[in-house]
Each structure stands twice: as C-alpha cells, then as structure tokens.
N, C-alpha and C. Protein backbone atom coordinates (compact mmCIF):
# COMPACT_ATOMS: atom_id res chain seq x y z
N MET A 1 101.68 83.24 106.36
CA MET A 1 102.11 84.60 106.32
C MET A 1 103.49 84.42 106.31
N ALA A 2 103.96 84.55 105.33
CA ALA A 2 105.47 84.68 104.88
C ALA A 2 106.13 85.78 105.41
N ILE A 3 107.61 85.45 105.78
CA ILE A 3 108.17 86.21 106.46
C ILE A 3 109.19 87.38 105.71
N LEU A 4 109.39 86.74 104.30
CA LEU A 4 110.09 87.25 103.58
C LEU A 4 110.01 88.33 102.79
N PRO A 5 108.55 88.77 102.43
CA PRO A 5 108.24 90.15 102.35
C PRO A 5 108.03 91.09 103.57
N THR A 6 107.97 90.34 104.72
CA THR A 6 107.99 91.54 105.71
C THR A 6 109.44 92.38 105.74
N PHE A 7 110.62 91.60 105.37
CA PHE A 7 111.74 91.75 105.45
C PHE A 7 112.12 92.88 104.04
N THR A 8 111.54 91.92 103.24
CA THR A 8 111.87 92.98 101.81
C THR A 8 111.75 94.38 101.85
N LYS A 9 110.28 94.32 102.24
CA LYS A 9 109.89 96.23 102.21
C LYS A 9 110.62 96.77 103.41
N VAL A 10 111.10 96.60 104.28
CA VAL A 10 111.95 97.38 104.79
C VAL A 10 113.36 97.27 103.82
N ASN A 11 114.28 96.47 103.53
CA ASN A 11 115.07 96.42 102.38
C ASN A 11 114.91 97.29 101.61
N VAL A 12 113.83 96.89 100.87
CA VAL A 12 113.95 98.18 99.37
C VAL A 12 113.90 99.32 99.98
N ALA A 13 113.36 99.65 101.33
CA ALA A 13 113.25 101.12 101.42
C ALA A 13 114.47 101.41 101.71
N LEU A 14 115.87 100.82 102.98
CA LEU A 14 117.01 101.05 102.60
C LEU A 14 117.78 101.31 101.34
N GLN A 15 117.62 100.95 100.27
CA GLN A 15 118.05 101.07 99.12
C GLN A 15 117.85 101.78 98.32
N LYS A 16 116.66 103.04 98.74
CA LYS A 16 116.48 104.27 97.81
C LYS A 16 117.61 104.86 97.79
N GLU A 17 117.68 105.40 96.70
CA GLU A 17 118.25 106.79 96.24
C GLU A 17 118.79 108.26 96.96
N GLN A 18 117.18 108.39 97.22
CA GLN A 18 117.13 109.62 97.94
C GLN A 18 116.94 109.06 99.59
N PRO A 19 117.89 110.57 100.28
CA PRO A 19 117.51 110.04 101.99
C PRO A 19 116.53 109.61 102.23
N CYS A 20 116.56 108.77 103.24
CA CYS A 20 115.51 107.87 103.85
C CYS A 20 115.26 107.69 105.65
N ILE A 21 116.52 108.40 105.98
CA ILE A 21 116.38 108.61 107.42
C ILE A 21 115.53 108.87 108.70
N HIS A 22 114.52 109.83 107.71
CA HIS A 22 113.67 110.45 108.33
C HIS A 22 112.15 109.31 108.29
N THR A 23 112.47 108.56 107.52
CA THR A 23 111.44 107.43 107.65
C THR A 23 111.84 105.89 108.55
N LEU A 24 113.71 105.97 108.79
CA LEU A 24 113.67 104.74 109.33
C LEU A 24 113.80 104.48 110.15
N HIS A 25 112.94 105.19 111.45
CA HIS A 25 112.57 105.09 112.90
C HIS A 25 111.37 103.81 112.89
N ASP A 26 110.47 104.70 111.75
CA ASP A 26 109.17 104.42 111.93
C ASP A 26 109.03 102.71 110.78
N ASP A 27 110.00 103.09 109.87
CA ASP A 27 110.55 101.52 108.91
C ASP A 27 111.07 100.40 110.05
N LEU A 28 111.42 100.73 111.15
CA LEU A 28 112.11 99.48 112.00
C LEU A 28 111.08 99.30 112.95
N MET A 29 110.20 100.48 113.28
CA MET A 29 109.24 100.19 114.36
C MET A 29 108.29 99.59 113.77
N ASN A 30 107.68 99.31 112.81
CA ASN A 30 106.76 98.92 111.94
C ASN A 30 107.07 96.82 111.98
N LEU A 31 108.88 97.29 110.97
CA LEU A 31 109.20 95.54 111.14
C LEU A 31 109.12 95.01 112.31
N TYR A 32 109.55 96.04 113.37
CA TYR A 32 109.52 95.30 114.92
C TYR A 32 108.20 94.75 114.77
N TYR A 33 106.62 95.75 115.37
CA TYR A 33 105.81 95.25 115.06
C TYR A 33 105.33 93.56 114.55
N GLU A 34 105.46 93.88 113.33
CA GLU A 34 104.88 92.73 112.35
C GLU A 34 105.87 91.37 113.08
N LEU A 35 107.26 91.90 113.39
CA LEU A 35 107.50 90.49 114.13
C LEU A 35 107.09 89.71 115.56
N LEU A 36 106.66 91.01 115.93
CA LEU A 36 106.14 90.80 117.31
C LEU A 36 104.60 89.88 117.54
N VAL A 37 103.81 90.49 116.22
CA VAL A 37 102.40 89.75 116.40
C VAL A 37 102.64 88.21 116.14
N ARG A 38 103.76 87.78 115.16
CA ARG A 38 103.54 86.45 114.81
C ARG A 38 104.13 85.76 116.12
N PHE A 39 104.42 86.10 116.93
CA PHE A 39 104.71 85.48 118.22
C PHE A 39 104.76 85.48 119.66
N ILE A 40 103.90 87.17 119.68
CA ILE A 40 103.86 87.59 121.06
C ILE A 40 101.95 87.34 121.18
N LYS A 41 101.69 87.45 122.22
CA LYS A 41 100.15 87.03 122.94
C LYS A 41 99.62 88.67 122.14
N PRO A 42 98.53 88.74 121.74
CA PRO A 42 97.91 90.23 121.56
C PRO A 42 97.31 91.36 123.09
N ALA A 43 97.53 90.76 123.67
CA ALA A 43 97.18 91.03 125.07
C ALA A 43 98.62 91.71 125.45
N ALA A 44 99.61 91.02 125.16
CA ALA A 44 100.83 91.50 126.25
C ALA A 44 101.36 92.93 125.10
N ILE A 45 100.53 92.72 123.94
CA ILE A 45 101.04 93.89 123.11
C ILE A 45 100.36 94.84 123.43
N THR A 46 99.07 94.74 123.68
CA THR A 46 98.06 96.10 123.40
C THR A 46 98.23 96.76 125.05
N LYS A 47 98.67 95.52 126.27
CA LYS A 47 98.99 95.96 127.52
C LYS A 47 100.22 97.31 127.73
N SER A 48 101.04 97.05 126.49
CA SER A 48 102.11 97.94 126.91
C SER A 48 102.28 99.02 126.60
N LYS A 49 102.57 99.88 127.34
CA LYS A 49 102.47 101.51 126.69
C LYS A 49 103.87 101.34 125.51
N SER A 50 104.76 100.78 125.65
CA SER A 50 105.75 101.04 123.75
C SER A 50 106.22 99.34 123.86
N LEU A 51 106.12 99.05 122.60
CA LEU A 51 106.66 98.25 121.70
C LEU A 51 107.73 97.28 122.58
N LEU A 52 108.71 98.70 122.77
CA LEU A 52 110.53 98.15 123.44
C LEU A 52 110.29 97.73 124.53
N ASN A 53 109.53 98.02 125.57
CA ASN A 53 109.05 97.47 126.83
C ASN A 53 108.60 96.12 126.80
N ILE A 54 108.24 95.48 126.18
CA ILE A 54 107.51 94.15 125.76
C ILE A 54 108.35 92.89 126.41
N ASN A 55 108.62 92.13 126.75
CA ASN A 55 109.43 91.17 127.29
C ASN A 55 109.28 90.26 126.55
N PHE A 56 109.56 89.51 125.30
CA PHE A 56 108.97 88.82 124.42
C PHE A 56 109.99 87.69 124.30
N GLN A 57 110.59 87.46 125.72
CA GLN A 57 111.35 86.17 126.06
C GLN A 57 110.57 85.24 126.65
N LYS A 58 109.70 85.97 127.45
CA LYS A 58 109.29 85.33 128.87
C LYS A 58 108.06 84.46 127.68
N ALA A 59 108.10 83.13 128.38
CA ALA A 59 107.15 82.53 127.88
C ALA A 59 105.23 82.80 127.77
N LYS A 60 105.12 83.07 128.90
CA LYS A 60 103.72 84.26 129.49
C LYS A 60 103.53 84.80 128.23
N ASN A 61 104.18 85.58 127.98
CA ASN A 61 103.92 86.62 126.84
C ASN A 61 104.16 86.12 125.18
N GLN A 62 104.28 84.77 124.89
CA GLN A 62 103.96 84.20 123.58
C GLN A 62 103.19 83.54 123.57
N LYS A 63 102.57 83.37 122.04
CA LYS A 63 101.46 82.71 121.97
C LYS A 63 101.60 81.17 121.79
N SER A 64 100.60 80.37 121.97
CA SER A 64 100.86 78.52 122.55
C SER A 64 101.26 78.39 120.36
N ASP A 65 101.36 77.07 120.76
CA ASP A 65 102.05 76.40 119.87
C ASP A 65 100.64 76.45 118.63
N ASP A 66 99.94 76.44 118.60
CA ASP A 66 98.97 76.57 117.94
C ASP A 66 98.80 77.90 117.17
N SER A 67 98.93 79.02 117.76
CA SER A 67 98.46 80.13 117.50
C SER A 67 100.05 81.25 116.89
N LEU A 68 101.25 80.67 117.00
CA LEU A 68 102.31 80.67 116.79
C LEU A 68 102.39 80.57 114.77
N VAL A 69 102.86 82.22 114.47
CA VAL A 69 102.84 82.29 112.64
C VAL A 69 104.00 81.43 112.32
N VAL A 70 103.50 80.23 111.39
CA VAL A 70 104.63 79.27 110.99
C VAL A 70 104.16 79.42 109.32
N GLY A 71 103.49 79.14 108.65
CA GLY A 71 102.73 79.92 107.08
C GLY A 71 102.02 78.53 107.20
N SER A 72 101.31 78.63 106.15
CA SER A 72 100.33 77.67 106.23
C SER A 72 100.90 76.35 105.45
N SER A 73 101.83 76.69 104.61
CA SER A 73 102.65 75.32 104.21
C SER A 73 103.44 74.31 105.38
N ALA A 74 103.87 75.42 106.29
CA ALA A 74 104.41 74.43 107.59
C ALA A 74 103.47 74.03 108.38
N ARG A 75 102.55 74.57 109.00
CA ARG A 75 101.51 73.88 109.29
C ARG A 75 100.67 72.79 108.95
N VAL A 76 100.75 72.78 107.80
CA VAL A 76 99.80 71.64 107.14
C VAL A 76 101.15 70.59 107.14
N LEU A 77 102.10 70.65 107.03
CA LEU A 77 103.57 69.63 107.15
C LEU A 77 102.90 69.04 108.78
N LEU A 78 103.09 69.85 109.58
CA LEU A 78 102.74 69.48 111.08
C LEU A 78 101.80 68.35 111.30
N GLN A 79 100.81 69.08 110.68
CA GLN A 79 99.45 68.45 110.64
C GLN A 79 98.96 66.97 109.81
N ASP A 80 99.63 66.89 108.86
CA ASP A 80 99.64 65.96 107.74
C ASP A 80 100.93 65.30 108.25
N SER A 81 101.83 64.87 108.48
CA SER A 81 102.71 64.13 108.64
C SER A 81 103.17 63.34 110.02
N ASN A 82 103.68 62.18 110.03
CA ASN A 82 104.00 60.86 111.02
C ASN A 82 104.89 61.62 112.06
N ARG A 83 104.71 63.08 112.22
CA ARG A 83 106.19 63.66 113.26
C ARG A 83 105.55 63.01 114.88
N THR A 84 106.41 63.00 115.25
CA THR A 84 106.41 62.60 116.91
C THR A 84 106.10 63.76 117.64
N LEU A 85 105.35 63.71 118.45
CA LEU A 85 105.07 65.21 119.57
C LEU A 85 106.43 65.77 119.72
N GLU A 86 107.63 65.20 120.17
CA GLU A 86 109.15 65.44 120.42
C GLU A 86 108.99 66.70 119.60
N GLU A 87 109.09 66.00 118.06
CA GLU A 87 109.87 66.68 117.35
C GLU A 87 108.70 67.93 116.64
N LYS A 88 106.97 68.00 116.94
CA LYS A 88 106.42 68.99 116.76
C LYS A 88 106.86 69.80 117.78
N GLU A 89 107.19 69.78 119.29
CA GLU A 89 107.92 70.90 120.05
C GLU A 89 108.96 71.12 119.55
N GLU A 90 110.09 70.39 119.34
CA GLU A 90 111.13 71.11 118.95
C GLU A 90 111.31 72.09 117.69
N PHE A 91 109.97 71.62 116.60
CA PHE A 91 110.04 72.72 115.73
C PHE A 91 109.51 74.14 116.57
N PHE A 92 108.46 73.78 117.05
CA PHE A 92 107.96 75.09 118.08
C PHE A 92 108.95 75.78 118.79
N LEU A 93 109.61 75.21 119.47
CA LEU A 93 110.96 75.94 120.44
C LEU A 93 112.06 76.51 119.15
N SER A 94 112.52 75.56 118.17
CA SER A 94 113.13 76.47 117.08
C SER A 94 112.53 77.87 116.44
N VAL A 95 111.30 77.79 116.35
CA VAL A 95 110.41 78.82 115.65
C VAL A 95 110.53 79.91 116.86
N ARG A 96 110.12 79.54 117.92
CA ARG A 96 110.27 80.97 119.22
C ARG A 96 111.68 81.55 119.18
N LYS A 97 112.63 80.69 119.09
CA LYS A 97 114.42 81.22 118.96
C LYS A 97 114.65 81.93 117.72
N PHE A 98 113.87 81.32 116.81
CA PHE A 98 114.24 82.47 115.31
C PHE A 98 113.52 83.42 115.85
N PHE A 99 112.25 83.71 115.82
CA PHE A 99 111.67 85.27 116.17
C PHE A 99 112.69 86.14 117.58
N VAL A 100 112.80 84.90 118.48
CA VAL A 100 113.57 85.90 119.96
C VAL A 100 114.77 86.76 119.17
N LEU A 101 115.22 85.74 118.40
CA LEU A 101 116.80 86.37 117.79
C LEU A 101 116.64 87.07 116.95
N LEU A 102 115.22 87.44 115.99
CA LEU A 102 115.40 88.52 115.03
C LEU A 102 115.10 89.65 115.86
N VAL A 103 113.56 89.47 116.66
CA VAL A 103 113.84 91.00 117.55
C VAL A 103 114.81 90.99 118.64
N ASN A 104 115.61 90.72 119.37
CA ASN A 104 116.80 91.00 119.71
C ASN A 104 117.45 91.56 118.78
N THR A 105 117.60 90.91 117.77
CA THR A 105 118.79 91.75 116.64
C THR A 105 118.66 93.09 116.23
N LEU A 106 116.77 92.98 116.13
CA LEU A 106 116.72 95.10 115.72
C LEU A 106 116.94 95.84 116.74
C-alpha cells in the first residue's frame, strides 16, 4: 500500500479552481484516518470516540512490526536480505517516527 497516492488525492482536491473549503475538513479527516490505519491498532481506532483523541504516540496503540504498513517492496527487502535484527528494529522505529510526525503535522 503506497503512501504517495494518499497524499496525491488530497493535494489534487486542494488545487481545484473552484472553492473547496466545504470539503476540506472531510478530506483532511480522511487523510488522517488513512495514515492512522497504517500504524495504529484497529482496536485503538474503533474504541475511540474521535480519531483526534487517539494517542498515536503510545506504543500500546501502535501495530507490531509485522503489521505496520510499509509496502510490499520494503517488506520483501526486509525478509530476503541479510539485515541484522538491529537494522530491522531501526527501520521499523524510523517508520513509526515517520507516521507520528505526519499525523502530528496534520
């Protein structure tokens, strides 16, 4: 699941010539959700009354390394390579930091 199309959809919507302020909230909330589902456990999302109330920085709310959405190419590279456990852990930590930064920025 590539992340670029997720941003492209919102980017295109924001570049329309006609006013789009009436759809901006929904577009950004959809983007927020699409980012959360990549690294947050489904249970943390469904039990929250609002997406904005999810503590996405807490490790207990984040998916395991095996469940993080990193894309099929990255997953294959991690499985087929001679990477050390430390390198894999560093990779997944970086992925988590990336998602937290993105969601924090929204």
